[in-house]
């Protein structure tokens, strides 16, 4: 039973992570240029965190390293986006 729960968690994380590509594609098609919408980073971060915990559970050091680096990058991008928005609001 526990195996199926963890597989479901891994599948959920992968689904969130995959959906970011669809979000980016749709946003780019609508604007007729390549864009990365804010939801892309939220999906990246949430999928990355879930996949990180899944990787910890299955004890795969390569998977753990890859996801931990990704989570750092996604978080940093969100910080930069919100910092820029805050500066614009102050102007």
N, C-alpha and C. Protein backbone atom coordinates (compact mmCIF):
# COMPACT_ATOMS: atom_id res chain seq x y z
N UNK A 1 0.82 -1.21 0.00
CA UNK A 1 0.00 0.00 0.00
C UNK A 1 0.86 1.26 0.00
N UNK A 2 1.90 1.28 0.87
CA UNK A 2 2.76 2.46 0.96
C UNK A 2 3.47 2.74 -0.37
N UNK A 3 3.82 1.69 -1.09
CA UNK A 3 4.50 1.87 -2.38
C UNK A 3 3.61 2.65 -3.33
N UNK A 4 2.32 2.33 -3.36
CA UNK A 4 1.40 3.01 -4.26
C UNK A 4 1.19 4.46 -3.87
N UNK A 5 1.20 4.73 -2.57
CA UNK A 5 1.06 6.12 -2.12
C UNK A 5 2.25 6.94 -2.60
N UNK A 6 3.46 6.39 -2.43
CA UNK A 6 4.65 7.12 -2.87
C UNK A 6 4.71 7.24 -4.39
N UNK A 7 4.26 6.24 -5.08
CA UNK A 7 4.20 6.35 -6.54
C UNK A 7 3.21 7.43 -6.96
N UNK A 8 2.11 7.53 -6.24
CA UNK A 8 1.14 8.59 -6.50
C UNK A 8 1.72 9.96 -6.24
N UNK A 9 2.49 10.09 -5.16
CA UNK A 9 3.16 11.36 -4.86
C UNK A 9 4.14 11.72 -5.96
N UNK A 10 4.93 10.74 -6.40
CA UNK A 10 5.88 10.97 -7.49
C UNK A 10 5.17 11.36 -8.78
N UNK A 11 4.08 10.70 -9.07
CA UNK A 11 3.30 11.01 -10.27
C UNK A 11 2.68 12.40 -10.19
N UNK A 12 2.20 12.79 -9.02
CA UNK A 12 1.66 14.14 -8.82
C UNK A 12 2.74 15.18 -9.08
N UNK A 13 3.91 14.98 -8.50
CA UNK A 13 5.02 15.90 -8.71
C UNK A 13 5.41 16.00 -10.17
N UNK A 14 5.49 14.87 -10.84
CA UNK A 14 5.83 14.87 -12.25
C UNK A 14 4.75 15.54 -13.08
N UNK A 15 3.49 15.34 -12.71
CA UNK A 15 2.39 15.97 -13.42
C UNK A 15 2.43 17.49 -13.30
N UNK A 16 2.69 17.98 -12.09
CA UNK A 16 2.82 19.43 -11.89
C UNK A 16 4.01 19.97 -12.69
N UNK A 17 5.11 19.25 -12.61
CA UNK A 17 6.32 19.69 -13.31
C UNK A 17 6.09 19.71 -14.82
N UNK A 18 5.42 18.70 -15.35
CA UNK A 18 5.13 18.65 -16.78
C UNK A 18 4.18 19.76 -17.21
N UNK A 19 3.19 20.06 -16.36
CA UNK A 19 2.17 21.04 -16.74
C UNK A 19 2.76 22.43 -16.94
N UNK A 20 3.93 22.69 -16.37
CA UNK A 20 4.56 23.99 -16.56
C UNK A 20 4.89 24.23 -18.02
N UNK A 21 5.23 23.18 -18.76
CA UNK A 21 5.52 23.31 -20.18
C UNK A 21 4.26 23.71 -20.96
N UNK A 22 3.14 23.12 -20.59
CA UNK A 22 1.87 23.48 -21.24
C UNK A 22 1.50 24.92 -20.96
N UNK A 23 1.67 25.35 -19.72
CA UNK A 23 1.37 26.72 -19.34
C UNK A 23 2.24 27.70 -20.13
N UNK A 24 3.52 27.40 -20.26
CA UNK A 24 4.44 28.27 -20.99
C UNK A 24 4.09 28.29 -22.47
N UNK A 25 3.77 27.16 -23.02
CA UNK A 25 3.43 27.06 -24.44
C UNK A 25 2.16 27.87 -24.75
N UNK A 26 1.13 27.67 -23.94
CA UNK A 26 -0.14 28.38 -24.16
C UNK A 26 0.06 29.90 -24.02
N UNK A 27 0.80 30.32 -23.00
CA UNK A 27 1.04 31.76 -22.80
C UNK A 27 1.82 32.34 -23.98
N UNK A 28 2.79 31.61 -24.48
CA UNK A 28 3.57 32.09 -25.62
C UNK A 28 2.73 32.17 -26.88
N UNK A 29 1.89 31.18 -27.10
CA UNK A 29 1.01 31.19 -28.28
C UNK A 29 0.04 32.36 -28.23
N UNK A 30 -0.48 32.65 -27.06
CA UNK A 30 -1.43 33.76 -26.93
C UNK A 30 -0.77 35.11 -27.21
N UNK A 31 0.48 35.26 -26.78
CA UNK A 31 1.18 36.54 -26.97
C UNK A 31 2.00 36.59 -28.26
N UNK A 32 2.06 35.45 -28.94
CA UNK A 32 2.81 35.36 -30.21
C UNK A 32 4.30 35.70 -30.01
N UNK A 33 4.81 35.38 -28.82
CA UNK A 33 6.23 35.51 -28.51
C UNK A 33 6.53 34.59 -27.33
N UNK A 34 7.79 34.27 -27.16
CA UNK A 34 8.19 33.39 -26.06
C UNK A 34 8.13 34.14 -24.74
N UNK A 35 7.31 33.65 -23.83
CA UNK A 35 7.18 34.24 -22.49
C UNK A 35 7.21 33.13 -21.45
N UNK A 36 7.59 33.52 -20.24
CA UNK A 36 7.54 32.59 -19.12
C UNK A 36 6.62 33.21 -18.07
N UNK A 37 5.38 32.72 -17.99
CA UNK A 37 4.43 33.31 -17.04
C UNK A 37 4.77 32.93 -15.59
N UNK A 38 4.24 33.69 -14.66
CA UNK A 38 4.48 33.46 -13.24
C UNK A 38 4.08 32.05 -12.82
N UNK A 39 2.97 31.53 -13.37
CA UNK A 39 2.52 30.18 -13.01
C UNK A 39 3.55 29.11 -13.37
N UNK A 40 4.37 29.37 -14.39
CA UNK A 40 5.44 28.44 -14.75
C UNK A 40 6.35 28.20 -13.55
N UNK A 41 6.70 29.28 -12.86
CA UNK A 41 7.61 29.15 -11.71
C UNK A 41 6.92 28.51 -10.52
N UNK A 42 5.63 28.81 -10.31
CA UNK A 42 4.90 28.14 -9.23
C UNK A 42 4.80 26.64 -9.48
N UNK A 43 4.50 26.26 -10.71
CA UNK A 43 4.41 24.83 -11.04
C UNK A 43 5.78 24.17 -10.94
N UNK A 44 6.83 24.87 -11.37
CA UNK A 44 8.18 24.34 -11.26
C UNK A 44 8.54 24.09 -9.80
N UNK A 45 8.26 25.08 -8.95
CA UNK A 45 8.60 24.96 -7.53
C UNK A 45 7.79 23.87 -6.84
N UNK A 46 6.48 23.85 -7.05
CA UNK A 46 5.66 22.84 -6.37
C UNK A 46 5.98 21.44 -6.87
N UNK A 47 6.11 21.28 -8.18
CA UNK A 47 6.49 19.97 -8.72
C UNK A 47 7.88 19.55 -8.25
N UNK A 48 8.82 20.51 -8.23
CA UNK A 48 10.18 20.23 -7.80
C UNK A 48 10.26 19.80 -6.34
N UNK A 49 9.49 20.47 -5.49
CA UNK A 49 9.49 20.11 -4.06
C UNK A 49 8.92 18.71 -3.86
N UNK A 50 7.81 18.43 -4.52
CA UNK A 50 7.21 17.09 -4.38
C UNK A 50 8.16 16.03 -4.92
N UNK A 51 8.79 16.29 -6.07
CA UNK A 51 9.74 15.32 -6.62
C UNK A 51 10.99 15.18 -5.73
N UNK A 52 11.39 16.26 -5.08
CA UNK A 52 12.52 16.20 -4.14
C UNK A 52 12.20 15.23 -2.99
N UNK A 53 11.00 15.36 -2.42
CA UNK A 53 10.62 14.46 -1.33
C UNK A 53 10.49 13.01 -1.81
N UNK A 54 9.99 12.85 -3.01
CA UNK A 54 9.92 11.51 -3.59
C UNK A 54 11.32 10.93 -3.77
N UNK A 55 12.24 11.75 -4.27
CA UNK A 55 13.63 11.31 -4.46
C UNK A 55 14.27 10.95 -3.12
N UNK A 56 13.97 11.72 -2.08
CA UNK A 56 14.48 11.40 -0.74
C UNK A 56 13.94 10.05 -0.28
N UNK A 57 12.66 9.82 -0.55
CA UNK A 57 12.05 8.56 -0.13
C UNK A 57 12.70 7.36 -0.83
N UNK A 58 12.95 7.48 -2.13
CA UNK A 58 13.55 6.35 -2.85
C UNK A 58 15.08 6.35 -2.73
N UNK A 59 15.62 7.35 -2.04
CA UNK A 59 17.04 7.45 -1.74
C UNK A 59 17.92 7.41 -3.00
N UNK A 60 17.56 8.25 -3.96
CA UNK A 60 18.32 8.34 -5.21
C UNK A 60 19.14 9.64 -5.17
N UNK A 61 20.45 9.54 -4.90
CA UNK A 61 21.25 10.76 -4.73
C UNK A 61 21.31 11.65 -5.97
N UNK A 62 21.27 11.08 -7.15
CA UNK A 62 21.30 11.88 -8.38
C UNK A 62 20.00 12.67 -8.53
N UNK A 63 18.89 12.00 -8.30
CA UNK A 63 17.58 12.63 -8.36
C UNK A 63 17.45 13.71 -7.28
N UNK A 64 17.95 13.42 -6.07
CA UNK A 64 17.92 14.39 -4.96
C UNK A 64 18.71 15.64 -5.33
N UNK A 65 19.91 15.46 -5.84
CA UNK A 65 20.76 16.59 -6.22
C UNK A 65 20.10 17.43 -7.31
N UNK A 66 19.58 16.78 -8.33
CA UNK A 66 18.94 17.49 -9.43
C UNK A 66 17.75 18.31 -8.97
N UNK A 67 16.89 17.72 -8.15
CA UNK A 67 15.70 18.43 -7.70
C UNK A 67 16.03 19.52 -6.70
N UNK A 68 17.02 19.30 -5.83
CA UNK A 68 17.37 20.34 -4.86
C UNK A 68 17.94 21.57 -5.56
N UNK A 69 18.73 21.37 -6.59
CA UNK A 69 19.25 22.51 -7.37
C UNK A 69 18.12 23.24 -8.07
N UNK A 70 17.20 22.49 -8.64
CA UNK A 70 16.07 23.09 -9.33
C UNK A 70 15.21 23.91 -8.39
N UNK A 71 14.91 23.38 -7.22
CA UNK A 71 14.08 24.10 -6.24
C UNK A 71 14.75 25.42 -5.87
N UNK A 72 16.07 25.41 -5.72
CA UNK A 72 16.79 26.66 -5.42
C UNK A 72 16.59 27.68 -6.56
N UNK A 73 16.75 27.25 -7.80
CA UNK A 73 16.61 28.15 -8.95
C UNK A 73 15.19 28.69 -9.06
N UNK A 74 14.18 27.83 -8.89
CA UNK A 74 12.79 28.26 -9.00
C UNK A 74 12.45 29.28 -7.91
N UNK A 75 12.93 29.02 -6.71
CA UNK A 75 12.69 29.94 -5.60
C UNK A 75 13.36 31.28 -5.87
N UNK A 76 14.59 31.24 -6.33
CA UNK A 76 15.32 32.48 -6.63
C UNK A 76 14.61 33.29 -7.72
N UNK A 77 14.12 32.63 -8.74
CA UNK A 77 13.40 33.34 -9.80
C UNK A 77 12.15 34.02 -9.25
N UNK A 78 11.41 33.35 -8.40
CA UNK A 78 10.22 33.96 -7.80
C UNK A 78 10.60 35.16 -6.94
N UNK A 79 11.69 35.06 -6.18
CA UNK A 79 12.16 36.19 -5.37
C UNK A 79 12.50 37.37 -6.27
N UNK A 80 13.21 37.12 -7.35
CA UNK A 80 13.58 38.20 -8.28
C UNK A 80 12.34 38.84 -8.91
N UNK A 81 11.36 38.03 -9.28
CA UNK A 81 10.13 38.55 -9.89
C UNK A 81 9.40 39.45 -8.90
N UNK A 82 9.25 39.01 -7.65
CA UNK A 82 8.52 39.80 -6.67
C UNK A 82 9.30 41.05 -6.25
N UNK A 83 10.62 40.95 -6.23
CA UNK A 83 11.45 42.11 -5.93
C UNK A 83 11.26 43.18 -7.01
N UNK A 84 11.24 42.76 -8.27
CA UNK A 84 11.05 43.69 -9.38
C UNK A 84 9.67 44.33 -9.32
N UNK A 85 8.64 43.54 -9.00
CA UNK A 85 7.28 44.08 -8.90
C UNK A 85 7.20 45.11 -7.77
N UNK A 86 7.86 44.82 -6.67
CA UNK A 86 7.84 45.73 -5.54
C UNK A 86 8.52 47.06 -5.88
N UNK A 87 9.62 46.98 -6.61
CA UNK A 87 10.33 48.20 -7.04
C UNK A 87 9.44 49.00 -7.98
N UNK A 88 8.76 48.34 -8.92
CA UNK A 88 7.86 49.04 -9.85
C UNK A 88 6.73 49.73 -9.12
N UNK A 89 6.20 49.09 -8.08
CA UNK A 89 5.09 49.67 -7.31
C UNK A 89 5.54 50.91 -6.55
N UNK A 90 6.81 50.98 -6.19
CA UNK A 90 7.34 52.11 -5.43
C UNK A 90 7.59 53.32 -6.33
N UNK A 91 7.73 53.10 -7.62
CA UNK A 91 8.01 54.22 -8.55
C UNK A 91 6.82 55.09 -8.78
